[in-house]
Amino acid sequence: MKLTKAMNGNALTIEIEGRVDTVTSPELEKMINESSDKAESLLLDFAKVEYISSAGLRVLLAAHKAMSKKSGMKIKNAGEDIMEIFEVTGFTDILNIV
């Protein structure tokens, strides 16, 4: 997995490439946690995400909970396979997916 982060004012964008699974999700969680103090909003770009496991979903829930106290979190560019995972797990009802 490759992560690229960018701060634009108080908006944090993280581009994710590859698989978000048991092995890689701690790296994503660490980046979100280290940057979320300075960020008012979080945008996760899923354009290059191939797969997300339950461990990755847990990271998204934790980030969503933390950012809901601020301006929120959005997920963009989720592909068909990722959207199917979000739909089956009910995440489309929880997360702001644009």
PDB file of N, CA and C in Angstrom:
ATOM      1  N   MET A   1       0.844  -1.176   0.000  1.00  0.00           N
ATOM      2  CA  MET A   1       0.000   0.000   0.000  1.00  0.00           C
ATOM      3  C   MET A   1       0.889   1.239   0.000  1.00  0.00           C
ATOM      4  N   LYS A   2       0.472   2.228  -0.746  1.00  0.00           N
ATOM      5  CA  LYS A   2       1.184   3.503  -0.807  1.00  0.00           C
ATOM      6  C   LYS A   2       0.210   4.591  -0.370  1.00  0.00           C
ATOM      7  N   LEU A   3       0.676   5.474   0.506  1.00  0.00           N
ATOM      8  CA  LEU A   3      -0.139   6.578   1.009  1.00  0.00           C
ATOM      9  C   LEU A   3       0.508   7.900   0.645  1.00  0.00           C
ATOM     10  N   THR A   4      -0.304   8.839   0.189  1.00  0.00           N
ATOM     11  CA  THR A   4       0.171  10.188  -0.101  1.00  0.00           C
ATOM     12  C   THR A   4      -0.768  11.153   0.583  1.00  0.00           C
ATOM     13  N   LYS A   5      -0.203  12.015   1.434  1.00  0.00           N
ATOM     14  CA  LYS A   5      -1.074  12.967   2.124  1.00  0.00           C
ATOM     15  C   LYS A   5      -0.747  14.392   1.705  1.00  0.00           C
ATOM     16  N   ALA A   6      -1.770  15.225   1.755  1.00  0.00           N
ATOM     17  CA  ALA A   6      -1.607  16.637   1.420  1.00  0.00           C
ATOM     18  C   ALA A   6      -2.528  17.443   2.320  1.00  0.00           C
ATOM     19  N   MET A   7      -1.992  18.527   2.869  1.00  0.00           N
ATOM     20  CA  MET A   7      -2.794  19.449   3.676  1.00  0.00           C
ATOM     21  C   MET A   7      -3.062  20.690   2.840  1.00  0.00           C
ATOM     22  N   ASN A   8      -4.313  21.067   2.753  1.00  0.00           N
ATOM     23  CA  ASN A   8      -4.705  22.293   2.086  1.00  0.00           C
ATOM     24  C   ASN A   8      -5.452  23.118   3.119  1.00  0.00           C
ATOM     25  N   GLY A   9      -4.727  24.029   3.758  1.00  0.00           N
ATOM     26  CA  GLY A   9      -5.314  24.745   4.890  1.00  0.00           C
ATOM     27  C   GLY A   9      -5.505  23.759   6.031  1.00  0.00           C
ATOM     28  N   ASN A  10      -6.754  23.586   6.443  1.00  0.00           N
ATOM     29  CA  ASN A  10      -7.022  22.626   7.511  1.00  0.00           C
ATOM     30  C   ASN A  10      -7.734  21.373   6.986  1.00  0.00           C
ATOM     31  N   ALA A  11      -7.666  21.165   5.666  1.00  0.00           N
ATOM     32  CA  ALA A  11      -8.263  19.987   5.035  1.00  0.00           C
ATOM     33  C   ALA A  11      -7.170  18.987   4.674  1.00  0.00           C
ATOM     34  N   LEU A  12      -7.291  17.779   5.183  1.00  0.00           N
ATOM     35  CA  LEU A  12      -6.328  16.720   4.926  1.00  0.00           C
ATOM     36  C   LEU A  12      -6.882  15.784   3.855  1.00  0.00           C
ATOM     37  N   THR A  13      -6.082  15.529   2.828  1.00  0.00           N
ATOM     38  CA  THR A  13      -6.432  14.550   1.798  1.00  0.00           C
ATOM     39  C   THR A  13      -5.387  13.450   1.828  1.00  0.00           C
ATOM     40  N   ILE A  14      -5.862  12.199   1.847  1.00  0.00           N
ATOM     41  CA  ILE A  14      -4.955  11.048   1.787  1.00  0.00           C
ATOM     42  C   ILE A  14      -5.355  10.208   0.580  1.00  0.00           C
ATOM     43  N   GLU A  15      -4.399  10.026  -0.329  1.00  0.00           N
ATOM     44  CA  GLU A  15      -4.596   9.139  -1.471  1.00  0.00           C
ATOM     45  C   GLU A  15      -4.042   7.774  -1.095  1.00  0.00           C
ATOM     46  N   ILE A  16      -4.846   6.752  -1.321  1.00  0.00           N
ATOM     47  CA  ILE A  16      -4.475   5.394  -0.953  1.00  0.00           C
ATOM     48  C   ILE A  16      -4.331   4.572  -2.230  1.00  0.00           C
ATOM     49  N   GLU A  17      -3.250   3.798  -2.298  1.00  0.00           N
ATOM     50  CA  GLU A  17      -3.024   2.945  -3.462  1.00  0.00           C
ATOM     51  C   GLU A  17      -2.709   1.536  -2.988  1.00  0.00           C
ATOM     52  N   GLY A  18      -3.443   0.552  -3.506  1.00  0.00           N
ATOM     53  CA  GLY A  18      -3.186  -0.843  -3.164  1.00  0.00           C
ATOM     54  C   GLY A  18      -4.265  -1.436  -2.281  1.00  0.00           C
ATOM     55  N   ARG A  19      -3.844  -2.327  -1.396  1.00  0.00           N
ATOM     56  CA  ARG A  19      -4.764  -3.053  -0.530  1.00  0.00           C
ATOM     57  C   ARG A  19      -4.739  -2.479   0.883  1.00  0.00           C
ATOM     58  N   VAL A  20      -5.925  -2.324   1.462  1.00  0.00           N
ATOM     59  CA  VAL A  20      -6.048  -1.902   2.859  1.00  0.00           C
ATOM     60  C   VAL A  20      -6.520  -3.140   3.613  1.00  0.00           C
ATOM     61  N   ASP A  21      -5.565  -3.824   4.237  1.00  0.00           N
ATOM     62  CA  ASP A  21      -5.883  -5.090   4.891  1.00  0.00           C
ATOM     63  C   ASP A  21      -5.223  -5.160   6.266  1.00  0.00           C
ATOM     64  N   THR A  22      -5.191  -6.345   6.836  1.00  0.00           N
ATOM     65  CA  THR A  22      -4.644  -6.532   8.184  1.00  0.00           C
ATOM     66  C   THR A  22      -3.201  -6.059   8.281  1.00  0.00           C
ATOM     67  N   VAL A  23      -2.435  -6.265   7.226  1.00  0.00           N
ATOM     68  CA  VAL A  23      -1.013  -5.904   7.224  1.00  0.00           C
ATOM     69  C   VAL A  23      -0.827  -4.394   7.056  1.00  0.00           C
ATOM     70  N   THR A  24      -1.615  -3.769   6.181  1.00  0.00           N
ATOM     71  CA  THR A  24      -1.378  -2.372   5.816  1.00  0.00           C
ATOM     72  C   THR A  24      -2.236  -1.357   6.572  1.00  0.00           C
ATOM     73  N   SER A  25      -3.362  -1.789   7.137  1.00  0.00           N
ATOM     74  CA  SER A  25      -4.259  -0.815   7.778  1.00  0.00           C
ATOM     75  C   SER A  25      -3.630  -0.074   8.961  1.00  0.00           C
ATOM     76  N   PRO A  26      -2.707  -0.682   9.733  1.00  0.00           N
ATOM     77  CA  PRO A  26      -2.072   0.104  10.801  1.00  0.00           C
ATOM     78  C   PRO A  26      -1.313   1.333  10.274  1.00  0.00           C
ATOM     79  N   GLU A  27      -0.748   1.214   9.080  1.00  0.00           N
ATOM     80  CA  GLU A  27      -0.027   2.343   8.479  1.00  0.00           C
ATOM     81  C   GLU A  27      -1.004   3.488   8.156  1.00  0.00           C
ATOM     82  N   LEU A  28      -2.165   3.148   7.615  1.00  0.00           N
ATOM     83  CA  LEU A  28      -3.184   4.160   7.327  1.00  0.00           C
ATOM     84  C   LEU A  28      -3.691   4.789   8.618  1.00  0.00           C
ATOM     85  N   GLU A  29      -3.948   3.957   9.607  1.00  0.00           N
ATOM     86  CA  GLU A  29      -4.428   4.457  10.895  1.00  0.00           C
ATOM     87  C   GLU A  29      -3.422   5.415  11.521  1.00  0.00           C
ATOM     88  N   LYS A  30      -2.147   5.071  11.440  1.00  0.00           N
ATOM     89  CA  LYS A  30      -1.085   5.919  11.997  1.00  0.00           C
ATOM     90  C   LYS A  30      -1.053   7.276  11.287  1.00  0.00           C
ATOM     91  N   MET A  31      -1.145   7.270   9.950  1.00  0.00           N
ATOM     92  CA  MET A  31      -1.113   8.529   9.206  1.00  0.00           C
ATOM     93  C   MET A  31      -2.313   9.397   9.562  1.00  0.00           C
ATOM     94  N   ILE A  32      -3.481   8.802   9.661  1.00  0.00           N
ATOM     95  CA  ILE A  32      -4.686   9.568  10.014  1.00  0.00           C
ATOM     96  C   ILE A  32      -4.550  10.150  11.409  1.00  0.00           C
ATOM     97  N   ASN A  33      -4.116   9.328  12.358  1.00  0.00           N
ATOM     98  CA  ASN A  33      -3.996   9.789  13.743  1.00  0.00           C
ATOM     99  C   ASN A  33      -2.960  10.898  13.903  1.00  0.00           C
ATOM    100  N   GLU A  34      -1.844  10.775  13.207  1.00  0.00           N
ATOM    101  CA  GLU A  34      -0.784  11.786  13.305  1.00  0.00           C
ATOM    102  C   GLU A  34      -1.207  13.114  12.699  1.00  0.00           C
ATOM    103  N   SER A  35      -2.084  13.088  11.714  1.00  0.00           N
ATOM    104  CA  SER A  35      -2.458  14.298  10.990  1.00  0.00           C
ATOM    105  C   SER A  35      -3.795  14.895  11.412  1.00  0.00           C
ATOM    106  N   SER A  36      -4.621  14.107  12.082  1.00  0.00           N
ATOM    107  CA  SER A  36      -5.986  14.559  12.354  1.00  0.00           C
ATOM    108  C   SER A  36      -6.050  15.706  13.360  1.00  0.00           C
ATOM    109  N   ASP A  37      -5.034  15.878  14.195  1.00  0.00           N
ATOM    110  CA  ASP A  37      -5.036  17.001  15.148  1.00  0.00           C
ATOM    111  C   ASP A  37      -5.046  18.338  14.421  1.00  0.00           C
ATOM    112  N   LYS A  38      -4.329  18.400  13.297  1.00  0.00           N
ATOM    113  CA  LYS A  38      -4.218  19.649  12.548  1.00  0.00           C
ATOM    114  C   LYS A  38      -5.347  19.822  11.534  1.00  0.00           C
ATOM    115  N   ALA A  39      -6.064  18.731  11.244  1.00  0.00           N
ATOM    116  CA  ALA A  39      -7.075  18.755  10.184  1.00  0.00           C
ATOM    117  C   ALA A  39      -8.478  18.957  10.748  1.00  0.00           C
ATOM    118  N   GLU A  40      -9.252  19.761  10.058  1.00  0.00           N
ATOM    119  CA  GLU A  40     -10.674  19.951  10.377  1.00  0.00           C
ATOM    120  C   GLU A  40     -11.525  18.982   9.579  1.00  0.00           C
ATOM    121  N   SER A  41     -11.034  18.604   8.383  1.00  0.00           N
ATOM    122  CA  SER A  41     -11.763  17.658   7.545  1.00  0.00           C
ATOM    123  C   SER A  41     -10.783  16.660   6.935  1.00  0.00           C
ATOM    124  N   LEU A  42     -11.316  15.500   6.567  1.00  0.00           N
ATOM    125  CA  LEU A  42     -10.496  14.433   6.001  1.00  0.00           C
ATOM    126  C   LEU A  42     -11.164  13.925   4.727  1.00  0.00           C
ATOM    127  N   LEU A  43     -10.389  13.847   3.654  1.00  0.00           N
ATOM    128  CA  LEU A  43     -10.853  13.294   2.393  1.00  0.00           C
ATOM    129  C   LEU A  43      -9.948  12.122   2.038  1.00  0.00           C
ATOM    130  N   LEU A  44     -10.546  10.933   1.883  1.00  0.00           N
ATOM    131  CA  LEU A  44      -9.795   9.747   1.507  1.00  0.00           C
ATOM    132  C   LEU A  44     -10.092   9.443   0.044  1.00  0.00           C
ATOM    133  N   ASP A  45      -9.046   9.433  -0.770  1.00  0.00           N
ATOM    134  CA  ASP A  45      -9.189   9.162  -2.197  1.00  0.00           C
ATOM    135  C   ASP A  45      -8.932   7.677  -2.438  1.00  0.00           C
ATOM    136  N   PHE A  46      -9.996   6.960  -2.820  1.00  0.00           N
ATOM    137  CA  PHE A  46      -9.935   5.511  -3.017  1.00  0.00           C
ATOM    138  C   PHE A  46      -9.758   5.124  -4.485  1.00  0.00           C
ATOM    139  N   ALA A  47      -9.367   6.042  -5.347  1.00  0.00           N
ATOM    140  CA  ALA A  47      -9.276   5.761  -6.785  1.00  0.00           C
ATOM    141  C   ALA A  47      -8.393   4.554  -7.085  1.00  0.00           C
ATOM    142  N   LYS A  48      -7.355   4.330  -6.296  1.00  0.00           N
ATOM    143  CA  LYS A  48      -6.411   3.247  -6.585  1.00  0.00           C
ATOM    144  C   LYS A  48      -6.446   2.136  -5.528  1.00  0.00           C
ATOM    145  N   VAL A  49      -7.535   2.092  -4.740  1.00  0.00           N
ATOM    146  CA  VAL A  49      -7.671   1.027  -3.747  1.00  0.00           C
ATOM    147  C   VAL A  49      -8.234  -0.211  -4.433  1.00  0.00           C
ATOM    148  N   GLU A  50      -7.525  -1.324  -4.270  1.00  0.00           N
ATOM    149  CA  GLU A  50      -7.918  -2.580  -4.904  1.00  0.00           C
ATOM    150  C   GLU A  50      -8.816  -3.428  -4.013  1.00  0.00           C
ATOM    151  N   TYR A  51      -8.626  -3.311  -2.693  1.00  0.00           N
ATOM    152  CA  TYR A  51      -9.318  -4.187  -1.758  1.00  0.00           C
ATOM    153  C   TYR A  51      -9.299  -3.537  -0.382  1.00  0.00           C
ATOM    154  N   ILE A  52     -10.349  -3.767   0.408  1.00  0.00           N
ATOM    155  CA  ILE A  52     -10.355  -3.337   1.801  1.00  0.00           C
ATOM    156  C   ILE A  52     -10.933  -4.469   2.645  1.00  0.00           C
ATOM    157  N   SER A  53     -10.236  -4.817   3.710  1.00  0.00           N
ATOM    158  CA  SER A  53     -10.662  -5.902   4.595  1.00  0.00           C
ATOM    159  C   SER A  53     -11.385  -5.319   5.803  1.00  0.00           C
ATOM    160  N   SER A  54     -11.808  -6.195   6.692  1.00  0.00           N
ATOM    161  CA  SER A  54     -12.476  -5.738   7.911  1.00  0.00           C
ATOM    162  C   SER A  54     -11.547  -4.873   8.765  1.00  0.00           C
ATOM    163  N   ALA A  55     -10.255  -5.143   8.716  1.00  0.00           N
ATOM    164  CA  ALA A  55      -9.300  -4.311   9.459  1.00  0.00           C
ATOM    165  C   ALA A  55      -9.282  -2.893   8.898  1.00  0.00           C
ATOM    166  N   GLY A  56      -9.341  -2.775   7.581  1.00  0.00           N
ATOM    167  CA  GLY A  56      -9.402  -1.460   6.946  1.00  0.00           C
ATOM    168  C   GLY A  56     -10.709  -0.751   7.253  1.00  0.00           C
ATOM    169  N   LEU A  57     -11.800  -1.498   7.265  1.00  0.00           N
ATOM    170  CA  LEU A  57     -13.103  -0.911   7.599  1.00  0.00           C
ATOM    171  C   LEU A  57     -13.107  -0.368   9.022  1.00  0.00           C
ATOM    172  N   ARG A  58     -12.443  -1.081   9.927  1.00  0.00           N
ATOM    173  CA  ARG A  58     -12.348  -0.615  11.322  1.00  0.00           C
ATOM    174  C   ARG A  58     -11.620   0.725  11.392  1.00  0.00           C
ATOM    175  N   VAL A  59     -10.556   0.879  10.610  1.00  0.00           N
ATOM    176  CA  VAL A  59      -9.810   2.140  10.567  1.00  0.00           C
ATOM    177  C   VAL A  59     -10.720   3.263  10.063  1.00  0.00           C
ATOM    178  N   LEU A  60     -11.525   2.972   9.029  1.00  0.00           N
ATOM    179  CA  LEU A  60     -12.447   3.984   8.507  1.00  0.00           C
ATOM    180  C   LEU A  60     -13.479   4.387   9.553  1.00  0.00           C
ATOM    181  N   LEU A  61     -13.998   3.417  10.294  1.00  0.00           N
ATOM    182  CA  LEU A  61     -14.979   3.745  11.346  1.00  0.00           C
ATOM    183  C   LEU A  61     -14.376   4.632  12.420  1.00  0.00           C
ATOM    184  N   ALA A  62     -13.160   4.310  12.840  1.00  0.00           N
ATOM    185  CA  ALA A  62     -12.487   5.104  13.866  1.00  0.00           C
ATOM    186  C   ALA A  62     -12.223   6.522  13.367  1.00  0.00           C
ATOM    187  N   ALA A  63     -11.787   6.648  12.124  1.00  0.00           N
ATOM    188  CA  ALA A  63     -11.529   7.968  11.546  1.00  0.00           C
ATOM    189  C   ALA A  63     -12.829   8.752  11.409  1.00  0.00           C
ATOM    190  N   HIS A  64     -13.882   8.073  10.985  1.00  0.00           N
ATOM    191  CA  HIS A  64     -15.191   8.720  10.854  1.00  0.00           C
ATOM    192  C   HIS A  64     -15.666   9.256  12.206  1.00  0.00           C
ATOM    193  N   LYS A  65     -15.510   8.451  13.230  1.00  0.00           N
ATOM    194  CA  LYS A  65     -15.920   8.866  14.577  1.00  0.00           C
ATOM    195  C   LYS A  65     -15.121  10.088  15.046  1.00  0.00           C
ATOM    196  N   ALA A  66     -13.817  10.055  14.844  1.00  0.00           N
ATOM    197  CA  ALA A  66     -12.963  11.172  15.265  1.00  0.00           C
ATOM    198  C   ALA A  66     -13.274  12.443  14.473  1.00  0.00           C
ATOM    199  N   MET A  67     -13.469  12.316  13.173  1.00  0.00           N
ATOM    200  CA  MET A  67     -13.689  13.498  12.334  1.00  0.00           C
ATOM    201  C   MET A  67     -15.126  14.012  12.428  1.00  0.00           C
ATOM    202  N   SER A  68     -16.051  13.212  12.931  1.00  0.00           N
ATOM    203  CA  SER A  68     -17.436  13.676  13.063  1.00  0.00           C
ATOM    204  C   SER A  68     -17.554  14.775  14.113  1.00  0.00           C
ATOM    205  N   LYS A  69     -16.558  14.890  14.973  1.00  0.00           N
ATOM    206  CA  LYS A  69     -16.518  15.959  15.970  1.00  0.00           C
ATOM    207  C   LYS A  69     -16.011  17.261  15.354  1.00  0.00           C
ATOM    208  N   LYS A  70     -15.536  17.159  14.104  1.00  0.00           N
ATOM    209  CA  LYS A  70     -15.020  18.318  13.378  1.00  0.00           C
ATOM    210  C   LYS A  70     -15.890  18.526  12.139  1.00  0.00           C
ATOM    211  N   SER A  71     -15.272  18.799  11.012  1.00  0.00           N
ATOM    212  CA  SER A  71     -16.031  19.032   9.775  1.00  0.00           C
ATOM    213  C   SER A  71     -16.343  17.764   9.006  1.00  0.00           C
ATOM    214  N   GLY A  72     -15.868  16.615   9.465  1.00  0.00           N
ATOM    215  CA  GLY A  72     -16.241  15.351   8.869  1.00  0.00           C
ATOM    216  C   GLY A  72     -15.198  14.721   7.973  1.00  0.00           C
ATOM    217  N   MET A  73     -15.582  13.544   7.464  1.00  0.00           N
ATOM    218  CA  MET A  73     -14.725  12.739   6.609  1.00  0.00           C
ATOM    219  C   MET A  73     -15.520  12.335   5.372  1.00  0.00           C
ATOM    220  N   LYS A  74     -14.858  12.353   4.213  1.00  0.00           N
ATOM    221  CA  LYS A  74     -15.478  11.911   2.962  1.00  0.00           C
ATOM    222  C   LYS A  74     -14.564  10.909   2.281  1.00  0.00           C
ATOM    223  N   ILE A  75     -15.191   9.997   1.549  1.00  0.00           N
ATOM    224  CA  ILE A  75     -14.458   9.059   0.711  1.00  0.00           C
ATOM    225  C   ILE A  75     -14.866   9.330  -0.725  1.00  0.00           C
ATOM    226  N   LYS A  76     -13.875   9.474  -1.611  1.00  0.00           N
ATOM    227  CA  LYS A  76     -14.197   9.721  -3.020  1.00  0.00           C
ATOM    228  C   LYS A  76     -13.515   8.690  -3.901  1.00  0.00           C
ATOM    229  N   ASN A  77     -14.045   8.543  -5.104  1.00  0.00           N
ATOM    230  CA  ASN A  77     -13.469   7.688  -6.143  1.00  0.00           C
ATOM    231  C   ASN A  77     -13.420   6.201  -5.781  1.00  0.00           C
ATOM    232  N   ALA A  78     -14.353   5.739  -4.955  1.00  0.00           N
ATOM    233  CA  ALA A  78     -14.383   4.311  -4.630  1.00  0.00           C
ATOM    234  C   ALA A  78     -14.865   3.536  -5.852  1.00  0.00           C
ATOM    235  N   GLY A  79     -14.104   2.535  -6.238  1.00  0.00           N
ATOM    236  CA  GLY A  79     -14.444   1.722  -7.399  1.00  0.00           C
ATOM    237  C   GLY A  79     -15.607   0.781  -7.120  1.00  0.00           C
ATOM    238  N   GLU A  80     -16.012   0.082  -8.150  1.00  0.00           N
ATOM    239  CA  GLU A  80     -17.170  -0.810  -8.073  1.00  0.00           C
ATOM    240  C   GLU A  80     -16.995  -1.900  -7.009  1.00  0.00           C
ATOM    241  N   ASP A  81     -15.817  -2.528  -6.961  1.00  0.00           N
ATOM    242  CA  ASP A  81     -15.576  -3.597  -5.986  1.00  0.00           C
ATOM    243  C   ASP A  81     -15.600  -3.069  -4.555  1.00  0.00           C
ATOM    244  N   ILE A  82     -15.008  -1.910  -4.356  1.00  0.00           N
ATOM    245  CA  ILE A  82     -14.984  -1.307  -3.019  1.00  0.00           C
ATOM    246  C   ILE A  82     -16.396  -0.883  -2.617  1.00  0.00           C
ATOM    247  N   MET A  83     -17.146  -0.306  -3.552  1.00  0.00           N
ATOM    248  CA  MET A  83     -18.528   0.091  -3.259  1.00  0.00           C
ATOM    249  C   MET A  83     -19.378  -1.117  -2.880  1.00  0.00           C
ATOM    250  N   GLU A  84     -19.125  -2.244  -3.518  1.00  0.00           N
ATOM    251  CA  GLU A  84     -19.867  -3.455  -3.167  1.00  0.00           C
ATOM    252  C   GLU A  84     -19.581  -3.867  -1.729  1.00  0.00           C
ATOM    253  N   ILE A  85     -18.324  -3.773  -1.314  1.00  0.00           N
ATOM    254  CA  ILE A  85     -17.960  -4.076   0.078  1.00  0.00           C
ATOM    255  C   ILE A  85     -18.662  -3.106   1.021  1.00  0.00           C
ATOM    256  N   PHE A  86     -18.641  -1.813   0.685  1.00  0.00           N
ATOM    257  CA  PHE A  86     -19.319  -0.815   1.523  1.00  0.00           C
ATOM    258  C   PHE A  86     -20.820  -1.095   1.613  1.00  0.00           C
ATOM    259  N   GLU A  87     -21.425  -1.502   0.519  1.00  0.00           N
ATOM    260  CA  GLU A  87     -22.865  -1.763   0.513  1.00  0.00           C
ATOM    261  C   GLU A  87     -23.214  -3.000   1.329  1.00  0.00           C
ATOM    262  N   VAL A  88     -22.463  -4.075   1.143  1.00  0.00           N
ATOM    263  CA  VAL A  88     -22.732  -5.331   1.859  1.00  0.00           C
ATOM    264  C   VAL A  88     -22.565  -5.154   3.366  1.00  0.00           C
ATOM    265  N   THR A  89     -21.596  -4.348   3.771  1.00  0.00           N
ATOM    266  CA  THR A  89     -21.320  -4.153   5.197  1.00  0.00           C
ATOM    267  C   THR A  89     -22.161  -3.040   5.827  1.00  0.00           C
ATOM    268  N   GLY A  90     -22.925  -2.309   5.017  1.00  0.00           N
ATOM    269  CA  GLY A  90     -23.737  -1.226   5.546  1.00  0.00           C
ATOM    270  C   GLY A  90     -22.982   0.092   5.689  1.00  0.00           C
ATOM    271  N   PHE A  91     -21.765   0.137   5.205  1.00  0.00           N
ATOM    272  CA  PHE A  91     -20.963   1.357   5.338  1.00  0.00           C
ATOM    273  C   PHE A  91     -21.498   2.509   4.491  1.00  0.00           C
ATOM    274  N   THR A  92     -22.268   2.193   3.461  1.00  0.00           N
ATOM    275  CA  THR A  92     -22.846   3.283   2.653  1.00  0.00           C
ATOM    276  C   THR A  92     -23.838   4.100   3.472  1.00  0.00           C
ATOM    277  N   ASP A  93     -24.387   3.499   4.528  1.00  0.00           N
ATOM    278  CA  ASP A  93     -25.311   4.212   5.412  1.00  0.00           C
ATOM    279  C   ASP A  93     -24.581   5.010   6.484  1.00  0.00           C
ATOM    280  N   ILE A  94     -23.322   4.691   6.711  1.00  0.00           N
ATOM    281  CA  ILE A  94     -22.557   5.322   7.799  1.00  0.00           C
ATOM    282  C   ILE A  94     -21.624   6.411   7.274  1.00  0.00           C
ATOM    283  N   LEU A  95     -20.891   6.087   6.209  1.00  0.00           N
ATOM    284  CA  LEU A  95     -19.853   6.985   5.705  1.00  0.00           C
ATOM    285  C   LEU A  95     -20.394   7.925   4.643  1.00  0.00           C
ATOM    286  N   ASN A  96     -19.725   9.063   4.481  1.00  0.00           N
ATOM    287  CA  ASN A  96     -20.059  10.024   3.447  1.00  0.00           C
ATOM    288  C   ASN A  96     -19.203   9.678   2.229  1.00  0.00           C
ATOM    289  N   ILE A  97     -19.818   8.988   1.258  1.00  0.00           N
ATOM    290  CA  ILE A  97     -19.105   8.553   0.063  1.00  0.00           C
ATOM    291  C   ILE A  97     -19.587   9.376  -1.107  1.00  0.00           C
ATOM    292  N   VAL A  98     -18.647  10.108  -1.720  1.00  0.00           N
ATOM    293  CA  VAL A  98     -19.007  11.004  -2.842  1.00  0.00           C
ATOM    294  C   VAL A  98     -18.403  10.514  -4.143  1.00  0.00           C
TER     295      VAL A  98
END
